[in-house]
C-alpha atoms as a PDB file:
ATOM      1  CA  UNK A   1     -11.946 -15.335  -8.255  1.00  0.00           C
ATOM      2  CA  UNK A   2      -9.054 -15.938 -10.630  1.00  0.00           C
ATOM      3  CA  UNK A   3      -6.548 -13.286 -11.656  1.00  0.00           C
ATOM      4  CA  UNK A   4      -3.662 -12.513 -13.992  1.00  0.00           C
ATOM      5  CA  UNK A   5      -1.067  -9.778 -13.430  1.00  0.00           C
ATOM      6  CA  UNK A   6       0.278  -8.339 -16.685  1.00  0.00           C
ATOM      7  CA  UNK A   7       2.333  -5.491 -18.074  1.00  0.00           C
ATOM      8  CA  UNK A   8       5.209  -4.692 -15.702  1.00  0.00           C
ATOM      9  CA  UNK A   9       6.627  -2.062 -15.281  1.00  0.00           C
ATOM     10  CA  UNK A  10       3.180  -0.503 -15.862  1.00  0.00           C
ATOM     11  CA  UNK A  11       1.122  -3.389 -14.517  1.00  0.00           C
ATOM     12  CA  UNK A  12      -2.543  -4.238 -14.294  1.00  0.00           C
ATOM     13  CA  UNK A  13      -4.366  -7.145 -12.686  1.00  0.00           C
ATOM     14  CA  UNK A  14      -7.256  -8.770 -14.565  1.00  0.00           C
ATOM     15  CA  UNK A  15      -9.769 -10.503 -12.291  1.00  0.00           C
ATOM     16  CA  UNK A  16     -12.252 -13.144 -13.468  1.00  0.00           C
ATOM     17  CA  UNK A  17     -15.220 -13.287 -11.095  1.00  0.00           C
ATOM     18  CA  UNK A  18     -18.002 -15.795 -10.635  1.00  0.00           C
ATOM     19  CA  UNK A  19     -21.603 -14.592 -10.545  1.00  0.00           C
ATOM     20  CA  UNK A  20     -22.227 -12.328  -7.502  1.00  0.00           C
ATOM     21  CA  UNK A  21     -18.552 -12.191  -6.582  1.00  0.00           C
ATOM     22  CA  UNK A  22     -17.417  -8.672  -5.709  1.00  0.00           C
ATOM     23  CA  UNK A  23     -14.214  -6.622  -5.554  1.00  0.00           C
ATOM     24  CA  UNK A  24     -13.526  -3.436  -3.622  1.00  0.00           C
ATOM     25  CA  UNK A  25     -11.099  -0.733  -4.729  1.00  0.00           C
ATOM     26  CA  UNK A  26     -10.095   2.848  -4.219  1.00  0.00           C
ATOM     27  CA  UNK A  27     -11.546   5.371  -6.657  1.00  0.00           C
ATOM     28  CA  UNK A  28      -9.854   5.661 -10.043  1.00  0.00           C
ATOM     29  CA  UNK A  29      -8.217   2.204 -10.074  1.00  0.00           C
ATOM     30  CA  UNK A  30     -10.617   0.435 -12.468  1.00  0.00           C
ATOM     31  CA  UNK A  31      -9.323   0.264 -16.070  1.00  0.00           C
ATOM     32  CA  UNK A  32     -11.804  -1.919 -17.951  1.00  0.00           C
ATOM     33  CA  UNK A  33     -14.548  -4.424 -17.178  1.00  0.00           C
ATOM     34  CA  UNK A  34     -17.285  -6.550 -18.690  1.00  0.00           C
ATOM     35  CA  UNK A  35     -20.725  -4.898 -19.113  1.00  0.00           C
ATOM     36  CA  UNK A  36     -22.335  -6.946 -16.332  1.00  0.00           C
ATOM     37  CA  UNK A  37     -20.111  -5.508 -13.590  1.00  0.00           C
ATOM     38  CA  UNK A  38     -22.273  -3.373 -11.295  1.00  0.00           C
ATOM     39  CA  UNK A  39     -20.566  -0.525  -9.399  1.00  0.00           C
ATOM     40  CA  UNK A  40     -21.757   0.774  -6.032  1.00  0.00           C
ATOM     41  CA  UNK A  41     -19.958   3.497  -4.071  1.00  0.00           C
ATOM     42  CA  UNK A  42     -19.969   3.053  -0.308  1.00  0.00           C
ATOM     43  CA  UNK A  43     -18.372   4.621   2.752  1.00  0.00           C
ATOM     44  CA  UNK A  44     -18.808   1.353   4.695  1.00  0.00           C
ATOM     45  CA  UNK A  45     -19.962   3.088   7.859  1.00  0.00           C
ATOM     46  CA  UNK A  46     -18.914   6.338   9.509  1.00  0.00           C
ATOM     47  CA  UNK A  47     -16.078   4.849  11.560  1.00  0.00           C
ATOM     48  CA  UNK A  48     -14.455   3.095   8.615  1.00  0.00           C
ATOM     49  CA  UNK A  49     -14.890   6.173   6.414  1.00  0.00           C
ATOM     50  CA  UNK A  50     -13.052   8.450   8.845  1.00  0.00           C
ATOM     51  CA  UNK A  51     -10.408   5.779   9.378  1.00  0.00           C
ATOM     52  CA  UNK A  52      -9.647   5.705   5.651  1.00  0.00           C
ATOM     53  CA  UNK A  53      -9.554   9.491   5.556  1.00  0.00           C
ATOM     54  CA  UNK A  54      -6.962   9.636   8.359  1.00  0.00           C
ATOM     55  CA  UNK A  55      -4.847   6.982   6.622  1.00  0.00           C
ATOM     56  CA  UNK A  56      -4.658   9.137   3.498  1.00  0.00           C
ATOM     57  CA  UNK A  57      -7.336   7.414   1.428  1.00  0.00           C
ATOM     58  CA  UNK A  58     -10.658   8.490   0.015  1.00  0.00           C
ATOM     59  CA  UNK A  59     -13.664   8.269   2.348  1.00  0.00           C
ATOM     60  CA  UNK A  60     -15.493   6.229  -0.287  1.00  0.00           C
ATOM     61  CA  UNK A  61     -14.696   2.888  -1.902  1.00  0.00           C
ATOM     62  CA  UNK A  62     -16.139   1.332  -5.035  1.00  0.00           C
ATOM     63  CA  UNK A  63     -17.646  -2.149  -4.945  1.00  0.00           C
ATOM     64  CA  UNK A  64     -17.883  -4.017  -8.268  1.00  0.00           C
ATOM     65  CA  UNK A  65     -20.168  -7.081  -8.425  1.00  0.00           C
ATOM     66  CA  UNK A  66     -20.622  -9.556 -11.288  1.00  0.00           C
ATOM     67  CA  UNK A  67     -24.354  -9.600 -12.075  1.00  0.00           C
ATOM     68  CA  UNK A  68     -26.169 -12.417 -13.895  1.00  0.00           C
ATOM     69  CA  UNK A  69     -23.088 -14.523 -14.573  1.00  0.00           C
ATOM     70  CA  UNK A  70     -19.279 -14.450 -14.626  1.00  0.00           C
ATOM     71  CA  UNK A  71     -17.623 -11.039 -14.949  1.00  0.00           C
ATOM     72  CA  UNK A  72     -14.234  -9.531 -15.653  1.00  0.00           C
ATOM     73  CA  UNK A  73     -12.600  -6.404 -14.226  1.00  0.00           C
ATOM     74  CA  UNK A  74      -9.081  -4.975 -14.432  1.00  0.00           C
ATOM     75  CA  UNK A  75      -7.260  -2.611 -12.072  1.00  0.00           C
ATOM     76  CA  UNK A  76      -4.060  -0.729 -12.925  1.00  0.00           C
ATOM     77  CA  UNK A  77      -1.179   0.553 -10.840  1.00  0.00           C
ATOM     78  CA  UNK A  78      -0.820   4.338 -10.600  1.00  0.00           C
ATOM     79  CA  UNK A  79       2.997   4.306 -10.846  1.00  0.00           C
ATOM     80  CA  UNK A  80       5.699   2.210 -12.581  1.00  0.00           C
ATOM     81  CA  UNK A  81       6.493  -0.855 -10.535  1.00  0.00           C
ATOM     82  CA  UNK A  82       4.666  -4.067  -9.788  1.00  0.00           C
ATOM     83  CA  UNK A  83       1.450  -5.453  -8.350  1.00  0.00           C
ATOM     84  CA  UNK A  84       1.634  -8.140  -5.695  1.00  0.00           C
ATOM     85  CA  UNK A  85      -1.171 -10.529  -4.792  1.00  0.00           C
ATOM     86  CA  UNK A  86      -1.336 -11.031  -1.011  1.00  0.00           C
ATOM     87  CA  UNK A  87      -3.342 -13.741   0.705  1.00  0.00           C
ATOM     88  CA  UNK A  88      -4.967 -12.354   3.834  1.00  0.00           C
ATOM     89  CA  UNK A  89      -5.891 -14.822   6.569  1.00  0.00           C
ATOM     90  CA  UNK A  90      -7.796 -14.004   9.783  1.00  0.00           C
ATOM     91  CA  UNK A  91      -4.870 -14.365  12.190  1.00  0.00           C
ATOM     92  CA  UNK A  92      -2.264 -12.613  10.006  1.00  0.00           C
ATOM     93  CA  UNK A  93      -3.128  -9.002   9.071  1.00  0.00           C
ATOM     94  CA  UNK A  94      -0.812  -7.044   6.793  1.00  0.00           C
ATOM     95  CA  UNK A  95       0.311  -3.434   7.293  1.00  0.00           C
ATOM     96  CA  UNK A  96       0.805  -1.203   4.223  1.00  0.00           C
ATOM     97  CA  UNK A  97       2.153   2.210   3.392  1.00  0.00           C
ATOM     98  CA  UNK A  98      -0.482   4.790   2.546  1.00  0.00           C
ATOM     99  CA  UNK A  99      -1.828   4.456  -1.039  1.00  0.00           C
ATOM    100  CA  UNK A 100      -0.418   0.913  -1.498  1.00  0.00           C
ATOM    101  CA  UNK A 101      -3.845  -0.749  -1.510  1.00  0.00           C
ATOM    102  CA  UNK A 102      -5.159  -1.338  -5.046  1.00  0.00           C
ATOM    103  CA  UNK A 103      -8.096  -3.771  -4.796  1.00  0.00           C
ATOM    104  CA  UNK A 104      -9.272  -6.871  -2.970  1.00  0.00           C
ATOM    105  CA  UNK A 105     -12.019  -9.391  -2.595  1.00  0.00           C
ATOM    106  CA  UNK A 106     -14.925  -8.023  -0.586  1.00  0.00           C
ATOM    107  CA  UNK A 107     -14.090 -10.324   2.333  1.00  0.00           C
ATOM    108  CA  UNK A 108     -10.887  -8.331   2.968  1.00  0.00           C
ATOM    109  CA  UNK A 109     -11.214  -5.302   5.250  1.00  0.00           C
ATOM    110  CA  UNK A 110      -9.129  -2.152   4.837  1.00  0.00           C
ATOM    111  CA  UNK A 111      -8.658  -0.208   8.066  1.00  0.00           C
ATOM    112  CA  UNK A 112      -6.142   2.064   9.760  1.00  0.00           C
ATOM    113  CA  UNK A 113      -3.050   1.000  11.681  1.00  0.00           C
ATOM    114  CA  UNK A 114      -1.621   3.325  14.311  1.00  0.00           C
ATOM    115  CA  UNK A 115       2.075   3.325  15.017  1.00  0.00           C
ATOM    116  CA  UNK A 116       2.621   2.394  18.659  1.00  0.00           C
ATOM    117  CA  UNK A 117       5.588   4.746  18.981  1.00  0.00           C
ATOM    118  CA  UNK A 118       5.106   8.463  18.376  1.00  0.00           C
ATOM    119  CA  UNK A 119       8.627   8.890  17.034  1.00  0.00           C
ATOM    120  CA  UNK A 120       8.047   6.339  14.280  1.00  0.00           C
ATOM    121  CA  UNK A 121       4.745   7.976  13.481  1.00  0.00           C
ATOM    122  CA  UNK A 122       6.079  11.492  13.053  1.00  0.00           C
ATOM    123  CA  UNK A 123       9.529  10.782  11.588  1.00  0.00           C
ATOM    124  CA  UNK A 124       9.412   7.270  10.139  1.00  0.00           C
ATOM    125  CA  UNK A 125       8.410   8.358   6.666  1.00  0.00           C
ATOM    126  CA  UNK A 126       4.880   6.954   6.524  1.00  0.00           C
ATOM    127  CA  UNK A 127       3.200   9.162   9.126  1.00  0.00           C
ATOM    128  CA  UNK A 128       1.427   8.230  12.314  1.00  0.00           C
ATOM    129  CA  UNK A 129      -1.189   6.179  10.465  1.00  0.00           C
ATOM    130  CA  UNK A 130      -0.679   3.328   8.006  1.00  0.00           C
ATOM    131  CA  UNK A 131      -3.152   0.942   6.383  1.00  0.00           C
ATOM    132  CA  UNK A 132      -4.041  -2.561   7.574  1.00  0.00           C
ATOM    133  CA  UNK A 133      -5.574  -5.427   5.622  1.00  0.00           C
ATOM    134  CA  UNK A 134      -7.399  -8.052   7.671  1.00  0.00           C
ATOM    135  CA  UNK A 135     -10.154 -10.624   7.212  1.00  0.00           C
ATOM    136  CA  UNK A 136      -9.823 -13.339   4.589  1.00  0.00           C
ATOM    137  CA  UNK A 137      -9.190 -13.311   0.848  1.00  0.00           C
ATOM    138  CA  UNK A 138      -6.896 -11.984  -1.874  1.00  0.00           C
ATOM    139  CA  UNK A 139      -5.707  -8.381  -1.954  1.00  0.00           C
ATOM    140  CA  UNK A 140      -3.601  -6.583  -4.557  1.00  0.00           C
ATOM    141  CA  UNK A 141      -0.891  -4.166  -3.473  1.00  0.00           C
ATOM    142  CA  UNK A 142       1.009  -1.562  -5.520  1.00  0.00           C
ATOM    143  CA  UNK A 143       4.805  -1.601  -5.284  1.00  0.00           C
ATOM    144  CA  UNK A 144       6.788   1.440  -6.460  1.00  0.00           C
ATOM    145  CA  UNK A 145       9.633   0.015  -8.515  1.00  0.00           C
ATOM    146  CA  UNK A 146      10.973  -3.449  -7.726  1.00  0.00           C
ATOM    147  CA  UNK A 147       9.898  -5.396  -4.622  1.00  0.00           C
ATOM    148  CA  UNK A 148      12.464  -6.975  -2.272  1.00  0.00           C
ATOM    149  CA  UNK A 149      11.336  -9.269   0.558  1.00  0.00           C
ATOM    150  CA  UNK A 150      13.012 -10.156   3.847  1.00  0.00           C
ATOM    151  CA  UNK A 151      11.857 -12.634   6.483  1.00  0.00           C
ATOM    152  CA  UNK A 152      12.921 -11.261   9.866  1.00  0.00           C
ATOM    153  CA  UNK A 153      13.446 -13.529  12.869  1.00  0.00           C
ATOM    154  CA  UNK A 154      12.267 -12.389  16.330  1.00  0.00           C
ATOM    155  CA  UNK A 155      14.360  -9.360  17.298  1.00  0.00           C
ATOM    156  CA  UNK A 156      16.096  -9.167  13.904  1.00  0.00           C
ATOM    157  CA  UNK A 157      16.172  -5.671  12.442  1.00  0.00           C
ATOM    158  CA  UNK A 158      16.546  -3.947   9.104  1.00  0.00           C
ATOM    159  CA  UNK A 159      17.242  -0.230   8.606  1.00  0.00           C
ATOM    160  CA  UNK A 160      15.205   1.309   5.793  1.00  0.00           C
ATOM    161  CA  UNK A 161      15.432   4.684   4.102  1.00  0.00           C
ATOM    162  CA  UNK A 162      12.321   6.836   4.344  1.00  0.00           C
ATOM    163  CA  UNK A 163       9.642   5.721   1.886  1.00  0.00           C
ATOM    164  CA  UNK A 164      11.152   2.354   0.985  1.00  0.00           C
ATOM    165  CA  UNK A 165       9.008   0.376   3.424  1.00  0.00           C
ATOM    166  CA  UNK A 166       5.874  -0.685   1.571  1.00  0.00           C
ATOM    167  CA  UNK A 167       4.443  -3.704   3.426  1.00  0.00           C
ATOM    168  CA  UNK A 168       5.053  -5.819   6.530  1.00  0.00           C
ATOM    169  CA  UNK A 169       3.375  -8.389   8.726  1.00  0.00           C
ATOM    170  CA  UNK A 170       1.511  -6.825  11.634  1.00  0.00           C
ATOM    171  CA  UNK A 171       3.792  -8.818  13.949  1.00  0.00           C
ATOM    172  CA  UNK A 172       6.654  -6.478  12.994  1.00  0.00           C
ATOM    173  CA  UNK A 173       7.255  -3.200  14.795  1.00  0.00           C
ATOM    174  CA  UNK A 174       8.500   0.125  13.446  1.00  0.00           C
ATOM    175  CA  UNK A 175      10.776   2.655  15.132  1.00  0.00           C
ATOM    176  CA  UNK A 176      13.226   5.349  14.015  1.00  0.00           C
ATOM    177  CA  UNK A 177      16.880   6.049  14.545  1.00  0.00           C
ATOM    178  CA  UNK A 178      18.714   9.280  13.880  1.00  0.00           C
ATOM    179  CA  UNK A 179      21.522   9.331  11.338  1.00  0.00           C
ATOM    180  CA  UNK A 180      24.768   9.444  13.299  1.00  0.00           C
ATOM    181  CA  UNK A 181      26.853  12.585  13.014  1.00  0.00           C
ATOM    182  CA  UNK A 182      25.788  16.167  12.250  1.00  0.00           C
ATOM    183  CA  UNK A 183      27.794  16.197   9.004  1.00  0.00           C
ATOM    184  CA  UNK A 184      26.039  13.013   7.874  1.00  0.00           C
ATOM    185  CA  UNK A 185      22.645  14.526   8.679  1.00  0.00           C
ATOM    186  CA  UNK A 186      23.312  17.768   6.820  1.00  0.00           C
ATOM    187  CA  UNK A 187      25.324  16.598   3.833  1.00  0.00           C
ATOM    188  CA  UNK A 188      24.819  12.839   3.531  1.00  0.00           C
ATOM    189  CA  UNK A 189      21.677  13.152   1.431  1.00  0.00           C
ATOM    190  CA  UNK A 190      19.911  10.434   3.449  1.00  0.00           C
ATOM    191  CA  UNK A 191      17.814  12.684   5.670  1.00  0.00           C
ATOM    192  CA  UNK A 192      17.875  12.944   9.454  1.00  0.00           C
ATOM    193  CA  UNK A 193      16.060   9.730  10.384  1.00  0.00           C
ATOM    194  CA  UNK A 194      15.973   6.127   9.190  1.00  0.00           C
ATOM    195  CA  UNK A 195      13.142   3.665   9.745  1.00  0.00           C
ATOM    196  CA  UNK A 196      13.983   0.538  11.748  1.00  0.00           C
ATOM    197  CA  UNK A 197      11.765  -2.535  11.320  1.00  0.00           C
ATOM    198  CA  UNK A 198      12.021  -5.305  13.914  1.00  0.00           C
ATOM    199  CA  UNK A 199      10.777  -8.869  13.420  1.00  0.00           C
ATOM    200  CA  UNK A 200       9.326 -11.383  13.543  1.00  0.00           C
ATOM    201  CA  UNK A 201       7.619 -11.263  10.187  1.00  0.00           C
ATOM    202  CA  UNK A 202       7.968 -10.614   6.484  1.00  0.00           C
ATOM    203  CA  UNK A 203       8.958  -7.157   5.253  1.00  0.00           C
ATOM    204  CA  UNK A 204       8.530  -5.966   1.658  1.00  0.00           C
ATOM    205  CA  UNK A 205      10.631  -3.029   0.461  1.00  0.00           C
ATOM    206  CA  UNK A 206      10.322  -0.984  -2.723  1.00  0.00           C
ATOM    207  CA  UNK A 207      13.185   0.398  -4.782  1.00  0.00           C
ATOM    208  CA  UNK A 208      11.554   3.510  -6.290  1.00  0.00           C
ATOM    209  CA  UNK A 209       9.217   5.395  -3.919  1.00  0.00           C
ATOM    210  CA  UNK A 210       7.114   8.110  -5.536  1.00  0.00           C
ATOM    211  CA  UNK A 211       8.508  10.643  -3.052  1.00  0.00           C
ATOM    212  CA  UNK A 212      12.087   9.938  -4.156  1.00  0.00           C
ATOM    213  CA  UNK A 213      11.172  10.276  -7.823  1.00  0.00           C
ATOM    214  CA  UNK A 214       9.393  13.572  -7.143  1.00  0.00           C
ATOM    215  CA  UNK A 215      12.424  14.932  -5.261  1.00  0.00           C
ATOM    216  CA  UNK A 216      14.752  13.920  -8.103  1.00  0.00           C
ATOM    217  CA  UNK A 217      12.593  15.580 -10.775  1.00  0.00           C
ATOM    218  CA  UNK A 218      11.741  18.740  -8.814  1.00  0.00           C
ATOM    219  CA  UNK A 219      14.827  20.761  -9.916  1.00  0.00           C
ATOM    220  CA  UNK A 220      13.878  20.246 -13.567  1.00  0.00           C
ATOM    221  CA  UNK A 221      10.442  21.870 -13.231  1.00  0.00           C
ATOM    222  CA  UNK A 222      10.102  25.672 -13.430  1.00  0.00           C
ATOM    223  CA  UNK A 223       9.228  27.526 -10.255  1.00  0.00           C
ATOM    224  CA  UNK A 224       5.768  28.925 -10.847  1.00  0.00           C
ATOM    225  CA  UNK A 225       6.287  31.490  -8.121  1.00  0.00           C
ATOM    226  CA  UNK A 226       8.845  33.313 -10.250  1.00  0.00           C
END
């Protein structure tokens, strides 16, 4: 499989597949494709289906296979930002925020990742369950806004505002810390909790989470209840 990422800040990835090569994606991500791409919708087994549901994804995934020769298929991001290609290897799974997964080679497995600490799960901004990519192959991840990467040494930490953590190595751990001072909590505009990521591993942050954009635009929309 060969690919080309085009069109930032409204990007798409165009994948060129050999005969019988396949891609998996969440529903609604396909933009265009050659006529010989065959689509099959699959839950991938009951356990995997419920796992995706709990991680905030659809129960079903679409599998596109090039039939009878080379094929082409394109997937688009759902929000302004960027698309990152991530190489997944068997001993290095990647953990994602919910909805970050765009598409991947069929040899990559999308599953759920449970936070080990309840506090991080309930207050860390991404919920108790995140996504995990494992297996082997290329996966494409949606980034909201611009992507910034940090390589954390063992024990090194970075404090992240809620929603800005988009991807990290599974070797990293996530916890929360309360914003210091009641006045800061109530009037600082940064919420009550921050997410703390501890290395070792690579961390990818995003500059424009959908949740922040929605909160900024909310006052400009009429209240339908009135």
